[in-house]
mmCIF file of all heavy atoms, coordinates in Angstrom:
data_MODEL
# 
_entry.id   MODEL 
# 
loop_
_atom_site.group_PDB 
_atom_site.id 
_atom_site.type_symbol 
_atom_site.label_atom_id 
_atom_site.label_alt_id 
_atom_site.label_comp_id 
_atom_site.label_asym_id 
_atom_site.label_entity_id 
_atom_site.label_seq_id 
_atom_site.pdbx_PDB_ins_code 
_atom_site.Cartn_x 
_atom_site.Cartn_y 
_atom_site.Cartn_z 
_atom_site.occupancy 
_atom_site.B_iso_or_equiv 
_atom_site.pdbx_formal_charge 
_atom_site.auth_seq_id 
_atom_site.auth_comp_id 
_atom_site.auth_asym_id 
_atom_site.auth_atom_id 
_atom_site.pdbx_PDB_model_num 
ATOM 1   N N   . ASN A 1 1  ? -15.965 18.852 22.487  1.00 0.00 ? 1  ASN A N   1 
ATOM 2   C CA  . ASN A 1 1  ? -15.463 18.386 21.236  1.00 0.00 ? 1  ASN A CA  1 
ATOM 3   C C   . ASN A 1 1  ? -14.203 19.173 20.808  1.00 0.00 ? 1  ASN A C   1 
ATOM 4   O O   . ASN A 1 1  ? -14.080 20.348 21.115  1.00 0.00 ? 1  ASN A O   1 
ATOM 5   C CB  . ASN A 1 1  ? -16.486 18.386 20.108  1.00 0.00 ? 1  ASN A CB  1 
ATOM 6   C CG  . ASN A 1 1  ? -17.554 17.332 20.277  1.00 0.00 ? 1  ASN A CG  1 
ATOM 7   O OD1 . ASN A 1 1  ? -17.450 16.519 21.168  1.00 0.00 ? 1  ASN A OD1 1 
ATOM 8   N ND2 . ASN A 1 1  ? -18.470 17.394 19.372  1.00 0.00 ? 1  ASN A ND2 1 
ATOM 9   N N   . GLN A 1 2  ? -13.286 18.483 20.050  1.00 0.00 ? 2  GLN A N   1 
ATOM 10  C CA  . GLN A 1 2  ? -12.111 19.118 19.631  1.00 0.00 ? 2  GLN A CA  1 
ATOM 11  C C   . GLN A 1 2  ? -12.123 19.368 18.098  1.00 0.00 ? 2  GLN A C   1 
ATOM 12  O O   . GLN A 1 2  ? -12.715 18.577 17.366  1.00 0.00 ? 2  GLN A O   1 
ATOM 13  C CB  . GLN A 1 2  ? -10.902 18.285 19.947  1.00 0.00 ? 2  GLN A CB  1 
ATOM 14  C CG  . GLN A 1 2  ? -10.691 18.076 21.416  1.00 0.00 ? 2  GLN A CG  1 
ATOM 15  C CD  . GLN A 1 2  ? -9.449  17.194 21.695  1.00 0.00 ? 2  GLN A CD  1 
ATOM 16  O OE1 . GLN A 1 2  ? -8.560  17.106 20.895  1.00 0.00 ? 2  GLN A OE1 1 
ATOM 17  N NE2 . GLN A 1 2  ? -9.474  16.560 22.792  1.00 0.00 ? 2  GLN A NE2 1 
ATOM 18  N N   . ALA A 1 3  ? -11.427 20.402 17.664  1.00 0.00 ? 3  ALA A N   1 
ATOM 19  C CA  . ALA A 1 3  ? -11.200 20.720 16.205  1.00 0.00 ? 3  ALA A CA  1 
ATOM 20  C C   . ALA A 1 3  ? -9.710  20.713 16.044  1.00 0.00 ? 3  ALA A C   1 
ATOM 21  O O   . ALA A 1 3  ? -8.976  21.422 16.636  1.00 0.00 ? 3  ALA A O   1 
ATOM 22  C CB  . ALA A 1 3  ? -11.833 22.052 15.861  1.00 0.00 ? 3  ALA A CB  1 
ATOM 23  N N   . TRP A 1 4  ? -9.260  19.952 15.009  1.00 0.00 ? 4  TRP A N   1 
ATOM 24  C CA  . TRP A 1 4  ? -7.829  19.856 14.669  1.00 0.00 ? 4  TRP A CA  1 
ATOM 25  C C   . TRP A 1 4  ? -7.684  20.130 13.175  1.00 0.00 ? 4  TRP A C   1 
ATOM 26  O O   . TRP A 1 4  ? -8.318  19.446 12.361  1.00 0.00 ? 4  TRP A O   1 
ATOM 27  C CB  . TRP A 1 4  ? -7.266  18.537 15.058  1.00 0.00 ? 4  TRP A CB  1 
ATOM 28  C CG  . TRP A 1 4  ? -6.975  18.352 16.499  1.00 0.00 ? 4  TRP A CG  1 
ATOM 29  C CD1 . TRP A 1 4  ? -7.852  17.988 17.408  1.00 0.00 ? 4  TRP A CD1 1 
ATOM 30  C CD2 . TRP A 1 4  ? -5.744  18.644 17.194  1.00 0.00 ? 4  TRP A CD2 1 
ATOM 31  N NE1 . TRP A 1 4  ? -7.266  18.015 18.697  1.00 0.00 ? 4  TRP A NE1 1 
ATOM 32  C CE2 . TRP A 1 4  ? -6.039  18.390 18.573  1.00 0.00 ? 4  TRP A CE2 1 
ATOM 33  C CE3 . TRP A 1 4  ? -4.520  19.136 16.812  1.00 0.00 ? 4  TRP A CE3 1 
ATOM 34  C CZ2 . TRP A 1 4  ? -5.009  18.614 19.532  1.00 0.00 ? 4  TRP A CZ2 1 
ATOM 35  C CZ3 . TRP A 1 4  ? -3.568  19.289 17.793  1.00 0.00 ? 4  TRP A CZ3 1 
ATOM 36  C CH2 . TRP A 1 4  ? -3.770  19.028 19.112  1.00 0.00 ? 4  TRP A CH2 1 
ATOM 37  N N   . ALA A 1 5  ? -6.788  21.041 12.813  1.00 0.00 ? 5  ALA A N   1 
ATOM 38  C CA  . ALA A 1 5  ? -6.475  21.314 11.415  1.00 0.00 ? 5  ALA A CA  1 
ATOM 39  C C   . ALA A 1 5  ? -5.007  21.136 11.207  1.00 0.00 ? 5  ALA A C   1 
ATOM 40  O O   . ALA A 1 5  ? -4.233  21.483 12.084  1.00 0.00 ? 5  ALA A O   1 
ATOM 41  C CB  . ALA A 1 5  ? -6.965  22.712 11.038  1.00 0.00 ? 5  ALA A CB  1 
ATOM 42  N N   . GLY A 1 6  ? -4.566  20.740 9.992   1.00 0.00 ? 6  GLY A N   1 
ATOM 43  C CA  . GLY A 1 6  ? -3.152  20.600 9.785   1.00 0.00 ? 6  GLY A CA  1 
ATOM 44  C C   . GLY A 1 6  ? -2.786  20.733 8.327   1.00 0.00 ? 6  GLY A C   1 
ATOM 45  O O   . GLY A 1 6  ? -3.629  20.449 7.411   1.00 0.00 ? 6  GLY A O   1 
ATOM 46  N N   . LEU A 1 7  ? -1.531  21.197 8.088   1.00 0.00 ? 7  LEU A N   1 
ATOM 47  C CA  . LEU A 1 7  ? -0.910  21.256 6.782   1.00 0.00 ? 7  LEU A CA  1 
ATOM 48  C C   . LEU A 1 7  ? 0.374   20.471 6.845   1.00 0.00 ? 7  LEU A C   1 
ATOM 49  O O   . LEU A 1 7  ? 1.039   20.567 7.874   1.00 0.00 ? 7  LEU A O   1 
ATOM 50  C CB  . LEU A 1 7  ? -0.661  22.640 6.310   1.00 0.00 ? 7  LEU A CB  1 
ATOM 51  C CG  . LEU A 1 7  ? -1.785  23.574 6.034   1.00 0.00 ? 7  LEU A CG  1 
ATOM 52  C CD1 . LEU A 1 7  ? -1.244  24.939 5.505   1.00 0.00 ? 7  LEU A CD1 1 
ATOM 53  C CD2 . LEU A 1 7  ? -2.719  23.025 4.928   1.00 0.00 ? 7  LEU A CD2 1 
ATOM 54  N N   . ALA A 1 8  ? 0.777   19.769 5.750   1.00 0.00 ? 8  ALA A N   1 
ATOM 55  C CA  . ALA A 1 8  ? 2.074   19.180 5.662   1.00 0.00 ? 8  ALA A CA  1 
ATOM 56  C C   . ALA A 1 8  ? 2.577   19.457 4.269   1.00 0.00 ? 8  ALA A C   1 
ATOM 57  O O   . ALA A 1 8  ? 1.783   19.590 3.355   1.00 0.00 ? 8  ALA A O   1 
ATOM 58  C CB  . ALA A 1 8  ? 2.004   17.607 5.909   1.00 0.00 ? 8  ALA A CB  1 
ATOM 59  N N   . TRP A 1 9  ? 3.900   19.580 4.143   1.00 0.00 ? 9  TRP A N   1 
ATOM 60  C CA  . TRP A 1 9  ? 4.481   19.797 2.823   1.00 0.00 ? 9  TRP A CA  1 
ATOM 61  C C   . TRP A 1 9  ? 5.695   18.901 2.633   1.00 0.00 ? 9  TRP A C   1 
ATOM 62  O O   . TRP A 1 9  ? 6.356   18.480 3.538   1.00 0.00 ? 9  TRP A O   1 
ATOM 63  C CB  . TRP A 1 9  ? 4.835   21.234 2.632   1.00 0.00 ? 9  TRP A CB  1 
ATOM 64  C CG  . TRP A 1 9  ? 5.647   21.892 3.637   1.00 0.00 ? 9  TRP A CG  1 
ATOM 65  C CD1 . TRP A 1 9  ? 7.034   22.124 3.601   1.00 0.00 ? 9  TRP A CD1 1 
ATOM 66  C CD2 . TRP A 1 9  ? 5.222   22.449 4.944   1.00 0.00 ? 9  TRP A CD2 1 
ATOM 67  N NE1 . TRP A 1 9  ? 7.403   22.759 4.746   1.00 0.00 ? 9  TRP A NE1 1 
ATOM 68  C CE2 . TRP A 1 9  ? 6.342   22.959 5.588   1.00 0.00 ? 9  TRP A CE2 1 
ATOM 69  C CE3 . TRP A 1 9  ? 3.978   22.514 5.514   1.00 0.00 ? 9  TRP A CE3 1 
ATOM 70  C CZ2 . TRP A 1 9  ? 6.240   23.514 6.850   1.00 0.00 ? 9  TRP A CZ2 1 
ATOM 71  C CZ3 . TRP A 1 9  ? 3.825   23.064 6.787   1.00 0.00 ? 9  TRP A CZ3 1 
ATOM 72  C CH2 . TRP A 1 9  ? 5.003   23.596 7.410   1.00 0.00 ? 9  TRP A CH2 1 
ATOM 73  N N   . ALA A 1 10 ? 5.914   18.532 1.344   1.00 0.00 ? 10 ALA A N   1 
ATOM 74  C CA  . ALA A 1 10 ? 7.064   17.719 0.945   1.00 0.00 ? 10 ALA A CA  1 
ATOM 75  C C   . ALA A 1 10 ? 7.613   18.266 -0.339  1.00 0.00 ? 10 ALA A C   1 
ATOM 76  O O   . ALA A 1 10 ? 6.909   18.774 -1.192  1.00 0.00 ? 10 ALA A O   1 
ATOM 77  C CB  . ALA A 1 10 ? 6.537   16.259 0.718   1.00 0.00 ? 10 ALA A CB  1 
ATOM 78  N N   . ILE A 1 11 ? 8.942   18.124 -0.401  1.00 0.00 ? 11 ILE A N   1 
ATOM 79  C CA  . ILE A 1 11 ? 9.726   18.697 -1.544  1.00 0.00 ? 11 ILE A CA  1 
ATOM 80  C C   . ILE A 1 11 ? 10.440  17.562 -2.223  1.00 0.00 ? 11 ILE A C   1 
ATOM 81  O O   . ILE A 1 11 ? 10.911  16.622 -1.602  1.00 0.00 ? 11 ILE A O   1 
ATOM 82  C CB  . ILE A 1 11 ? 10.706  19.783 -1.058  1.00 0.00 ? 11 ILE A CB  1 
ATOM 83  C CG1 . ILE A 1 11 ? 9.973   20.901 -0.277  1.00 0.00 ? 11 ILE A CG1 1 
ATOM 84  C CG2 . ILE A 1 11 ? 11.497  20.359 -2.194  1.00 0.00 ? 11 ILE A CG2 1 
ATOM 85  C CD1 . ILE A 1 11 ? 8.937   21.643 -1.057  1.00 0.00 ? 11 ILE A CD1 1 
ATOM 86  N N   . ASP A 1 12 ? 10.672  17.663 -3.488  1.00 0.00 ? 12 ASP A N   1 
ATOM 87  C CA  . ASP A 1 12 ? 11.497  16.704 -4.304  1.00 0.00 ? 12 ASP A CA  1 
ATOM 88  C C   . ASP A 1 12 ? 12.931  17.179 -4.169  1.00 0.00 ? 12 ASP A C   1 
ATOM 89  O O   . ASP A 1 12 ? 13.322  18.145 -4.775  1.00 0.00 ? 12 ASP A O   1 
ATOM 90  C CB  . ASP A 1 12 ? 11.047  16.730 -5.769  1.00 0.00 ? 12 ASP A CB  1 
ATOM 91  C CG  . ASP A 1 12 ? 11.857  15.788 -6.616  1.00 0.00 ? 12 ASP A CG  1 
ATOM 92  O OD1 . ASP A 1 12 ? 12.836  15.212 -6.093  1.00 0.00 ? 12 ASP A OD1 1 
ATOM 93  O OD2 . ASP A 1 12 ? 11.532  15.661 -7.801  1.00 0.00 ? 12 ASP A OD2 1 
ATOM 94  N N   . PRO A 1 13 ? 13.755  16.516 -3.351  1.00 0.00 ? 13 PRO A N   1 
ATOM 95  C CA  . PRO A 1 13 ? 15.145  16.869 -3.122  1.00 0.00 ? 13 PRO A CA  1 
ATOM 96  C C   . PRO A 1 13 ? 16.033  16.772 -4.361  1.00 0.00 ? 13 PRO A C   1 
ATOM 97  O O   . PRO A 1 13 ? 17.060  17.385 -4.465  1.00 0.00 ? 13 PRO A O   1 
ATOM 98  C CB  . PRO A 1 13 ? 15.623  16.064 -1.963  1.00 0.00 ? 13 PRO A CB  1 
ATOM 99  C CG  . PRO A 1 13 ? 14.762  14.830 -2.006  1.00 0.00 ? 13 PRO A CG  1 
ATOM 100 C CD  . PRO A 1 13 ? 13.410  15.248 -2.571  1.00 0.00 ? 13 PRO A CD  1 
ATOM 101 N N   . GLU A 1 14 ? 15.543  15.926 -5.309  1.00 0.00 ? 14 GLU A N   1 
ATOM 102 C CA  . GLU A 1 14 ? 16.391  15.647 -6.474  1.00 0.00 ? 14 GLU A CA  1 
ATOM 103 C C   . GLU A 1 14 ? 16.158  16.691 -7.639  1.00 0.00 ? 14 GLU A C   1 
ATOM 104 O O   . GLU A 1 14 ? 16.970  16.869 -8.508  1.00 0.00 ? 14 GLU A O   1 
ATOM 105 C CB  . GLU A 1 14 ? 16.080  14.277 -7.035  1.00 0.00 ? 14 GLU A CB  1 
ATOM 106 C CG  . GLU A 1 14 ? 16.374  13.110 -6.063  1.00 0.00 ? 14 GLU A CG  1 
ATOM 107 C CD  . GLU A 1 14 ? 17.813  13.051 -5.690  1.00 0.00 ? 14 GLU A CD  1 
ATOM 108 O OE1 . GLU A 1 14 ? 18.674  13.228 -6.536  1.00 0.00 ? 14 GLU A OE1 1 
ATOM 109 O OE2 . GLU A 1 14 ? 18.064  12.848 -4.464  1.00 0.00 ? 14 GLU A OE2 1 
ATOM 110 N N   . GLN A 1 15 ? 15.003  17.406 -7.521  1.00 0.00 ? 15 GLN A N   1 
ATOM 111 C CA  . GLN A 1 15 ? 14.686  18.325 -8.599  1.00 0.00 ? 15 GLN A CA  1 
ATOM 112 C C   . GLN A 1 15 ? 15.301  19.689 -8.294  1.00 0.00 ? 15 GLN A C   1 
ATOM 113 O O   . GLN A 1 15 ? 15.216  20.208 -7.243  1.00 0.00 ? 15 GLN A O   1 
ATOM 114 C CB  . GLN A 1 15 ? 13.172  18.464 -8.730  1.00 0.00 ? 15 GLN A CB  1 
ATOM 115 C CG  . GLN A 1 15 ? 12.714  19.384 -9.829  1.00 0.00 ? 15 GLN A CG  1 
ATOM 116 C CD  . GLN A 1 15 ? 11.214  19.456 -9.949  1.00 0.00 ? 15 GLN A CD  1 
ATOM 117 O OE1 . GLN A 1 15 ? 10.509  18.917 -9.192  1.00 0.00 ? 15 GLN A OE1 1 
ATOM 118 N NE2 . GLN A 1 15 ? 10.737  20.218 -10.894 1.00 0.00 ? 15 GLN A NE2 1 
ATOM 119 N N   . SER A 1 16 ? 15.897  20.240 -9.304  1.00 0.00 ? 16 SER A N   1 
ATOM 120 C CA  . SER A 1 16 ? 16.406  21.667 -9.227  1.00 0.00 ? 16 SER A CA  1 
ATOM 121 C C   . SER A 1 16 ? 15.179  22.539 -8.927  1.00 0.00 ? 16 SER A C   1 
ATOM 122 O O   . SER A 1 16 ? 14.266  22.584 -9.605  1.00 0.00 ? 16 SER A O   1 
ATOM 123 C CB  . SER A 1 16 ? 17.124  22.030 -10.506 1.00 0.00 ? 16 SER A CB  1 
ATOM 124 O OG  . SER A 1 16 ? 17.509  23.352 -10.407 1.00 0.00 ? 16 SER A OG  1 
ATOM 125 N N   . GLY A 1 17 ? 15.354  23.329 -7.862  1.00 0.00 ? 17 GLY A N   1 
ATOM 126 C CA  . GLY A 1 17 ? 14.310  24.241 -7.522  1.00 0.00 ? 17 GLY A CA  1 
ATOM 127 C C   . GLY A 1 17 ? 13.356  23.691 -6.459  1.00 0.00 ? 17 GLY A C   1 
ATOM 128 O O   . GLY A 1 17 ? 12.603  24.469 -5.892  1.00 0.00 ? 17 GLY A O   1 
ATOM 129 N N   . GLY A 1 18 ? 13.367  22.433 -6.282  1.00 0.00 ? 18 GLY A N   1 
ATOM 130 C CA  . GLY A 1 18 ? 12.642  21.791 -5.126  1.00 0.00 ? 18 GLY A CA  1 
ATOM 131 C C   . GLY A 1 18 ? 11.111  21.996 -5.205  1.00 0.00 ? 18 GLY A C   1 
ATOM 132 O O   . GLY A 1 18 ? 10.528  22.385 -4.208  1.00 0.00 ? 18 GLY A O   1 
ATOM 133 N N   . ALA A 1 19 ? 10.473  21.682 -6.332  1.00 0.00 ? 19 ALA A N   1 
ATOM 134 C CA  . ALA A 1 19 ? 9.035   21.681 -6.360  1.00 0.00 ? 19 ALA A CA  1 
ATOM 135 C C   . ALA A 1 19 ? 8.453   20.623 -5.414  1.00 0.00 ? 19 ALA A C   1 
ATOM 136 O O   . ALA A 1 19 ? 9.191   19.705 -4.999  1.00 0.00 ? 19 ALA A O   1 
ATOM 137 C CB  . ALA A 1 19 ? 8.541   21.391 -7.802  1.00 0.00 ? 19 ALA A CB  1 
ATOM 138 N N   . GLY A 1 20 ? 7.225   20.770 -5.047  1.00 0.00 ? 20 GLY A N   1 
ATOM 139 C CA  . GLY A 1 20 ? 6.662   19.780 -4.090  1.00 0.00 ? 20 GLY A CA  1 
ATOM 140 C C   . GLY A 1 20 ? 5.142   19.827 -4.001  1.00 0.00 ? 20 GLY A C   1 
ATOM 141 O O   . GLY A 1 20 ? 4.431   20.362 -4.917  1.00 0.00 ? 20 GLY A O   1 
ATOM 142 N N   . VAL A 1 21 ? 4.639   19.310 -2.943  1.00 0.00 ? 21 VAL A N   1 
ATOM 143 C CA  . VAL A 1 21 ? 3.195   19.294 -2.660  1.00 0.00 ? 21 VAL A CA  1 
ATOM 144 C C   . VAL A 1 21 ? 2.918   19.717 -1.271  1.00 0.00 ? 21 VAL A C   1 
ATOM 145 O O   . VAL A 1 21 ? 3.819   19.683 -0.376  1.00 0.00 ? 21 VAL A O   1 
ATOM 146 C CB  . VAL A 1 21 ? 2.624   17.787 -2.820  1.00 0.00 ? 21 VAL A CB  1 
ATOM 147 C CG1 . VAL A 1 21 ? 2.720   17.423 -4.293  1.00 0.00 ? 21 VAL A CG1 1 
ATOM 148 C CG2 . VAL A 1 21 ? 3.345   16.830 -1.997  1.00 0.00 ? 21 VAL A CG2 1 
ATOM 149 N N   . LEU A 1 22 ? 1.727   20.257 -1.055  1.00 0.00 ? 22 LEU A N   1 
ATOM 150 C CA  . LEU A 1 22 ? 1.291   20.773 0.242   1.00 0.00 ? 22 LEU A CA  1 
ATOM 151 C C   . LEU A 1 22 ? -0.133  20.212 0.460   1.00 0.00 ? 22 LEU A C   1 
ATOM 152 O O   . LEU A 1 22 ? -0.936  20.383 -0.418  1.00 0.00 ? 22 LEU A O   1 
ATOM 153 C CB  . LEU A 1 22 ? 1.324   22.263 0.229   1.00 0.00 ? 22 LEU A CB  1 
ATOM 154 C CG  . LEU A 1 22 ? 1.341   22.999 1.559   1.00 0.00 ? 22 LEU A CG  1 
ATOM 155 C CD1 . LEU A 1 22 ? 2.058   24.257 1.439   1.00 0.00 ? 22 LEU A CD1 1 
ATOM 156 C CD2 . LEU A 1 22 ? -0.035  23.130 2.166   1.00 0.00 ? 22 LEU A CD2 1 
ATOM 157 N N   . VAL A 1 23 ? -0.373  19.552 1.561   1.00 0.00 ? 23 VAL A N   1 
ATOM 158 C CA  . VAL A 1 23 ? -1.719  18.949 1.765   1.00 0.00 ? 23 VAL A CA  1 
ATOM 159 C C   . VAL A 1 23 ? -2.360  19.489 3.011   1.00 0.00 ? 23 VAL A C   1 
ATOM 160 O O   . VAL A 1 23 ? -1.665  19.917 3.983   1.00 0.00 ? 23 VAL A O   1 
ATOM 161 C CB  . VAL A 1 23 ? -1.641  17.428 1.822   1.00 0.00 ? 23 VAL A CB  1 
ATOM 162 C CG1 . VAL A 1 23 ? -1.013  16.900 0.458   1.00 0.00 ? 23 VAL A CG1 1 
ATOM 163 C CG2 . VAL A 1 23 ? -0.777  16.908 2.955   1.00 0.00 ? 23 VAL A CG2 1 
ATOM 164 N N   . GLU A 1 24 ? -3.652  19.387 3.081   1.00 0.00 ? 24 GLU A N   1 
ATOM 165 C CA  . GLU A 1 24 ? -4.386  19.899 4.199   1.00 0.00 ? 24 GLU A CA  1 
ATOM 166 C C   . GLU A 1 24 ? -5.423  18.828 4.719   1.00 0.00 ? 24 GLU A C   1 
ATOM 167 O O   . GLU A 1 24 ? -5.954  18.122 3.850   1.00 0.00 ? 24 GLU A O   1 
ATOM 168 C CB  . GLU A 1 24 ? -5.097  21.179 3.856   1.00 0.00 ? 24 GLU A CB  1 
ATOM 169 C CG  . GLU A 1 24 ? -6.251  21.067 2.837   1.00 0.00 ? 24 GLU A CG  1 
ATOM 170 C CD  . GLU A 1 24 ? -5.795  21.060 1.347   1.00 0.00 ? 24 GLU A CD  1 
ATOM 171 O OE1 . GLU A 1 24 ? -4.646  20.972 1.111   1.00 0.00 ? 24 GLU A OE1 1 
ATOM 172 O OE2 . GLU A 1 24 ? -6.676  21.083 0.498   1.00 0.00 ? 24 GLU A OE2 1 
ATOM 173 N N   . HIS A 1 25 ? -5.657  18.769 6.012   1.00 0.00 ? 25 HIS A N   1 
ATOM 174 C CA  . HIS A 1 25 ? -6.593  17.797 6.582   1.00 0.00 ? 25 HIS A CA  1 
ATOM 175 C C   . HIS A 1 25 ? -7.223  18.470 7.843   1.00 0.00 ? 25 HIS A C   1 
ATOM 176 O O   . HIS A 1 25 ? -6.598  19.298 8.511   1.00 0.00 ? 25 HIS A O   1 
ATOM 177 C CB  . HIS A 1 25 ? -5.983  16.479 6.949   1.00 0.00 ? 25 HIS A CB  1 
ATOM 178 C CG  . HIS A 1 25 ? -5.830  15.534 5.780   1.00 0.00 ? 25 HIS A CG  1 
ATOM 179 N ND1 . HIS A 1 25 ? -6.922  14.907 5.301   1.00 0.00 ? 25 HIS A ND1 1 
ATOM 180 C CD2 . HIS A 1 25 ? -4.781  15.233 5.090   1.00 0.00 ? 25 HIS A CD2 1 
ATOM 181 C CE1 . HIS A 1 25 ? -6.496  14.206 4.273   1.00 0.00 ? 25 HIS A CE1 1 
ATOM 182 N NE2 . HIS A 1 25 ? -5.216  14.347 4.122   1.00 0.00 ? 25 HIS A NE2 1 
ATOM 183 N N   . ALA A 1 26 ? -8.455  18.010 8.176   1.00 0.00 ? 26 ALA A N   1 
ATOM 184 C CA  . ALA A 1 26 ? -9.085  18.413 9.442   1.00 0.00 ? 26 ALA A CA  1 
ATOM 185 C C   . ALA A 1 26 ? -9.688  17.181 10.001  1.00 0.00 ? 26 ALA A C   1 
ATOM 186 O O   . ALA A 1 26 ? -10.193 16.283 9.289   1.00 0.00 ? 26 ALA A O   1 
ATOM 187 C CB  . ALA A 1 26 ? -10.169 19.457 9.058   1.00 0.00 ? 26 ALA A CB  1 
ATOM 188 N N   . ALA A 1 27 ? -9.757  17.146 11.357  1.00 0.00 ? 27 ALA A N   1 
ATOM 189 C CA  . ALA A 1 27 ? -10.330 15.979 12.069  1.00 0.00 ? 27 ALA A CA  1 
ATOM 190 C C   . ALA A 1 27 ? -10.686 16.430 13.501  1.00 0.00 ? 27 ALA A C   1 
ATOM 191 O O   . ALA A 1 27 ? -10.489 17.621 13.884  1.00 0.00 ? 27 ALA A O   1 
ATOM 192 C CB  . ALA A 1 27 ? -9.407  14.869 12.068  1.00 0.00 ? 27 ALA A CB  1 
# 
């Protein structure tokens, strides 16, 4: 069996300072 973990992040390019989100998943 395999274990896979991951993170992805996205930024608001229009917002000054570039706030964003970071998400996590496992499968």
